[in-house]
Amino acid sequence: MGKVEKIAGGMHPLRVTRRKGRILSPTRSTSARVRVKCGCCKETVDIYHDENLDDPQFNTLEINGVVGTIAQWREVLGPLLGFREVRHSTNGVLKVTWESRID
């Protein structure tokens, strides 16, 4: 069992547990996981992820059973978390970054 980290800041602190991925056998393995629990009840959100995030186009996150690429989750969750997409064009090469709208 992982160590529970409490994240304060709201009405109730979130309880976060992190687990590393493991190889169980040559044909079975478990992904790394972050479990977020509500501070006042037993509701949870499980986030399974790849530990090597070199290429976000091909690495995936599974949040409560919904699988998507990191780029897809960024597009969905970024605005909710106060980030906006910024597109830069340098020498005809388009680069997309995210910046916080919250100071």
C-alpha atoms as a PDB file:
ATOM      1  CA  MET A   1       0.000   0.000   0.000  1.00  0.00           C
ATOM      2  CA  GLY A   2       1.349   3.402  -0.944  1.00  0.00           C
ATOM      3  CA  LYS A   3       1.761   6.385   1.328  1.00  0.00           C
ATOM      4  CA  VAL A   4      -1.280   8.685   1.439  1.00  0.00           C
ATOM      5  CA  GLU A   5      -0.454  12.294   0.572  1.00  0.00           C
ATOM      6  CA  LYS A   6      -2.993  14.901   1.697  1.00  0.00           C
ATOM      7  CA  ILE A   7      -3.485  17.914  -0.567  1.00  0.00           C
ATOM      8  CA  ALA A   8      -5.151  20.785   1.269  1.00  0.00           C
ATOM      9  CA  GLY A   9      -6.739  23.855  -0.241  1.00  0.00           C
ATOM     10  CA  GLY A  10     -10.452  23.184  -0.486  1.00  0.00           C
ATOM     11  CA  MET A  11     -13.172  22.311   1.962  1.00  0.00           C
ATOM     12  CA  HIS A  12     -11.724  18.817   2.421  1.00  0.00           C
ATOM     13  CA  PRO A  13      -8.152  17.718   1.635  1.00  0.00           C
ATOM     14  CA  LEU A  14      -7.747  15.292  -1.260  1.00  0.00           C
ATOM     15  CA  ARG A  15      -6.040  12.000  -0.377  1.00  0.00           C
ATOM     16  CA  VAL A  16      -3.598  10.849  -3.067  1.00  0.00           C
ATOM     17  CA  THR A  17      -1.886   7.452  -3.308  1.00  0.00           C
ATOM     18  CA  ARG A  18       0.724   6.688  -5.992  1.00  0.00           C
ATOM     19  CA  ARG A  19       1.844   3.232  -7.163  1.00  0.00           C
ATOM     20  CA  LYS A  20       4.624   2.306  -9.560  1.00  0.00           C
ATOM     21  CA  GLY A  21       4.009  -0.044 -12.468  1.00  0.00           C
ATOM     22  CA  ARG A  22       5.105  -3.658 -11.973  1.00  0.00           C
ATOM     23  CA  ILE A  23       5.928  -6.637 -14.152  1.00  0.00           C
ATOM     24  CA  LEU A  24       4.123  -9.644 -12.691  1.00  0.00           C
ATOM     25  CA  SER A  25       5.193 -12.224 -15.264  1.00  0.00           C
ATOM     26  CA  PRO A  26       6.446 -12.233 -18.872  1.00  0.00           C
ATOM     27  CA  THR A  27       2.851 -11.805 -20.076  1.00  0.00           C
ATOM     28  CA  ARG A  28       1.302  -9.719 -17.272  1.00  0.00           C
ATOM     29  CA  SER A  29       2.054  -6.303 -15.847  1.00  0.00           C
ATOM     30  CA  THR A  30       0.314  -3.451 -14.045  1.00  0.00           C
ATOM     31  CA  SER A  31       0.466   0.195 -15.041  1.00  0.00           C
ATOM     32  CA  ALA A  32       1.508   2.942 -12.692  1.00  0.00           C
ATOM     33  CA  ARG A  33      -1.482   4.414 -10.882  1.00  0.00           C
ATOM     34  CA  VAL A  34      -2.535   7.526  -9.027  1.00  0.00           C
ATOM     35  CA  ARG A  35      -5.652   7.159  -6.865  1.00  0.00           C
ATOM     36  CA  VAL A  36      -7.355  10.343  -5.680  1.00  0.00           C
ATOM     37  CA  LYS A  37      -9.879  10.006  -2.858  1.00  0.00           C
ATOM     38  CA  CYS A  38     -12.362  12.568  -1.640  1.00  0.00           C
ATOM     39  CA  GLY A  39     -11.543  14.054   1.761  1.00  0.00           C
ATOM     40  CA  CYS A  40     -15.063  13.585   3.132  1.00  0.00           C
ATOM     41  CA  CYS A  41     -16.283  10.274   1.653  1.00  0.00           C
ATOM     42  CA  LYS A  42     -15.157   7.083  -0.115  1.00  0.00           C
ATOM     43  CA  GLU A  43     -15.426   8.328  -3.734  1.00  0.00           C
ATOM     44  CA  THR A  44     -12.246   7.739  -5.798  1.00  0.00           C
ATOM     45  CA  VAL A  45     -10.721   8.515  -9.172  1.00  0.00           C
ATOM     46  CA  ASP A  46      -8.157   6.040 -10.524  1.00  0.00           C
ATOM     47  CA  ILE A  47      -5.665   7.328 -13.085  1.00  0.00           C
ATOM     48  CA  TYR A  48      -3.463   4.706 -14.786  1.00  0.00           C
ATOM     49  CA  HIS A  49      -0.506   6.037 -16.755  1.00  0.00           C
ATOM     50  CA  ASP A  50       2.726   5.144 -18.511  1.00  0.00           C
ATOM     51  CA  GLU A  51       5.788   5.956 -16.431  1.00  0.00           C
ATOM     52  CA  ASN A  52       7.804   6.930 -19.533  1.00  0.00           C
ATOM     53  CA  LEU A  53       6.130  10.003 -21.038  1.00  0.00           C
ATOM     54  CA  ASP A  54       8.616  10.778 -23.848  1.00  0.00           C
ATOM     55  CA  ASP A  55       6.037  10.996 -26.658  1.00  0.00           C
ATOM     56  CA  PRO A  56       2.647  12.345 -25.477  1.00  0.00           C
ATOM     57  CA  GLN A  57       0.971  11.470 -28.805  1.00  0.00           C
ATOM     58  CA  PHE A  58       1.297   7.732 -28.118  1.00  0.00           C
ATOM     59  CA  ASN A  59       1.261   7.492 -24.313  1.00  0.00           C
ATOM     60  CA  THR A  60      -2.138   7.102 -22.748  1.00  0.00           C
ATOM     61  CA  LEU A  61      -3.935   7.903 -19.524  1.00  0.00           C
ATOM     62  CA  GLU A  62      -6.869   5.889 -18.270  1.00  0.00           C
ATOM     63  CA  ILE A  63      -9.081   7.925 -15.951  1.00  0.00           C
ATOM     64  CA  ASN A  64     -11.871   5.890 -14.321  1.00  0.00           C
ATOM     65  CA  GLY A  65     -11.919   3.481 -17.249  1.00  0.00           C
ATOM     66  CA  VAL A  66     -11.785   6.083 -20.050  1.00  0.00           C
ATOM     67  CA  VAL A  67      -8.588   5.745 -22.154  1.00  0.00           C
ATOM     68  CA  GLY A  68      -7.157   8.654 -24.135  1.00  0.00           C
ATOM     69  CA  THR A  69      -3.793  10.040 -25.199  1.00  0.00           C
ATOM     70  CA  ILE A  70      -2.121  12.667 -23.081  1.00  0.00           C
ATOM     71  CA  ALA A  71      -2.814  15.207 -25.843  1.00  0.00           C
ATOM     72  CA  GLN A  72      -6.548  14.368 -25.712  1.00  0.00           C
ATOM     73  CA  TRP A  73      -6.704  14.665 -21.921  1.00  0.00           C
ATOM     74  CA  ARG A  74      -4.779  17.943 -22.089  1.00  0.00           C
ATOM     75  CA  GLU A  75      -7.364  19.319 -24.515  1.00  0.00           C
ATOM     76  CA  VAL A  76     -10.232  18.262 -22.223  1.00  0.00           C
ATOM     77  CA  LEU A  77      -8.763  19.100 -18.803  1.00  0.00           C
ATOM     78  CA  GLY A  78      -6.519  22.064 -19.687  1.00  0.00           C
ATOM     79  CA  PRO A  79      -9.300  24.674 -19.870  1.00  0.00           C
ATOM     80  CA  LEU A  80     -10.933  23.273 -16.718  1.00  0.00           C
ATOM     81  CA  LEU A  81      -7.640  23.704 -14.860  1.00  0.00           C
ATOM     82  CA  GLY A  82      -7.159  27.275 -16.072  1.00  0.00           C
ATOM     83  CA  PHE A  83      -4.775  26.706 -18.989  1.00  0.00           C
ATOM     84  CA  ARG A  84      -5.122  27.960 -22.542  1.00  0.00           C
ATOM     85  CA  GLU A  85      -3.544  26.707 -25.724  1.00  0.00           C
ATOM     86  CA  VAL A  86      -1.035  29.060 -27.382  1.00  0.00           C
ATOM     87  CA  ARG A  87       0.089  28.460 -30.965  1.00  0.00           C
ATOM     88  CA  HIS A  88       3.470  29.803 -32.113  1.00  0.00           C
ATOM     89  CA  SER A  89       4.753  29.746 -35.684  1.00  0.00           C
ATOM     90  CA  THR A  90       8.503  29.986 -36.138  1.00  0.00           C
ATOM     91  CA  ASN A  91       9.983  29.576 -39.631  1.00  0.00           C
ATOM     92  CA  GLY A  92       6.798  27.852 -40.773  1.00  0.00           C
ATOM     93  CA  VAL A  93       6.872  25.328 -37.906  1.00  0.00           C
ATOM     94  CA  LEU A  94       3.782  25.361 -35.695  1.00  0.00           C
ATOM     95  CA  LYS A  95       4.416  24.784 -32.004  1.00  0.00           C
ATOM     96  CA  VAL A  96       1.624  24.438 -29.452  1.00  0.00           C
ATOM     97  CA  THR A  97       2.198  25.269 -25.788  1.00  0.00           C
ATOM     98  CA  TRP A  98      -0.051  25.747 -22.785  1.00  0.00           C
ATOM     99  CA  GLU A  99       0.058  28.697 -20.411  1.00  0.00           C
ATOM    100  CA  SER A 100      -1.813  29.381 -17.207  1.00  0.00           C
ATOM    101  CA  ARG A 101      -4.615  31.920 -17.173  1.00  0.00           C
ATOM    102  CA  ILE A 102      -4.446  31.961 -13.393  1.00  0.00           C
ATOM    103  CA  ASP A 103      -1.741  33.955 -11.608  1.00  0.00           C
END
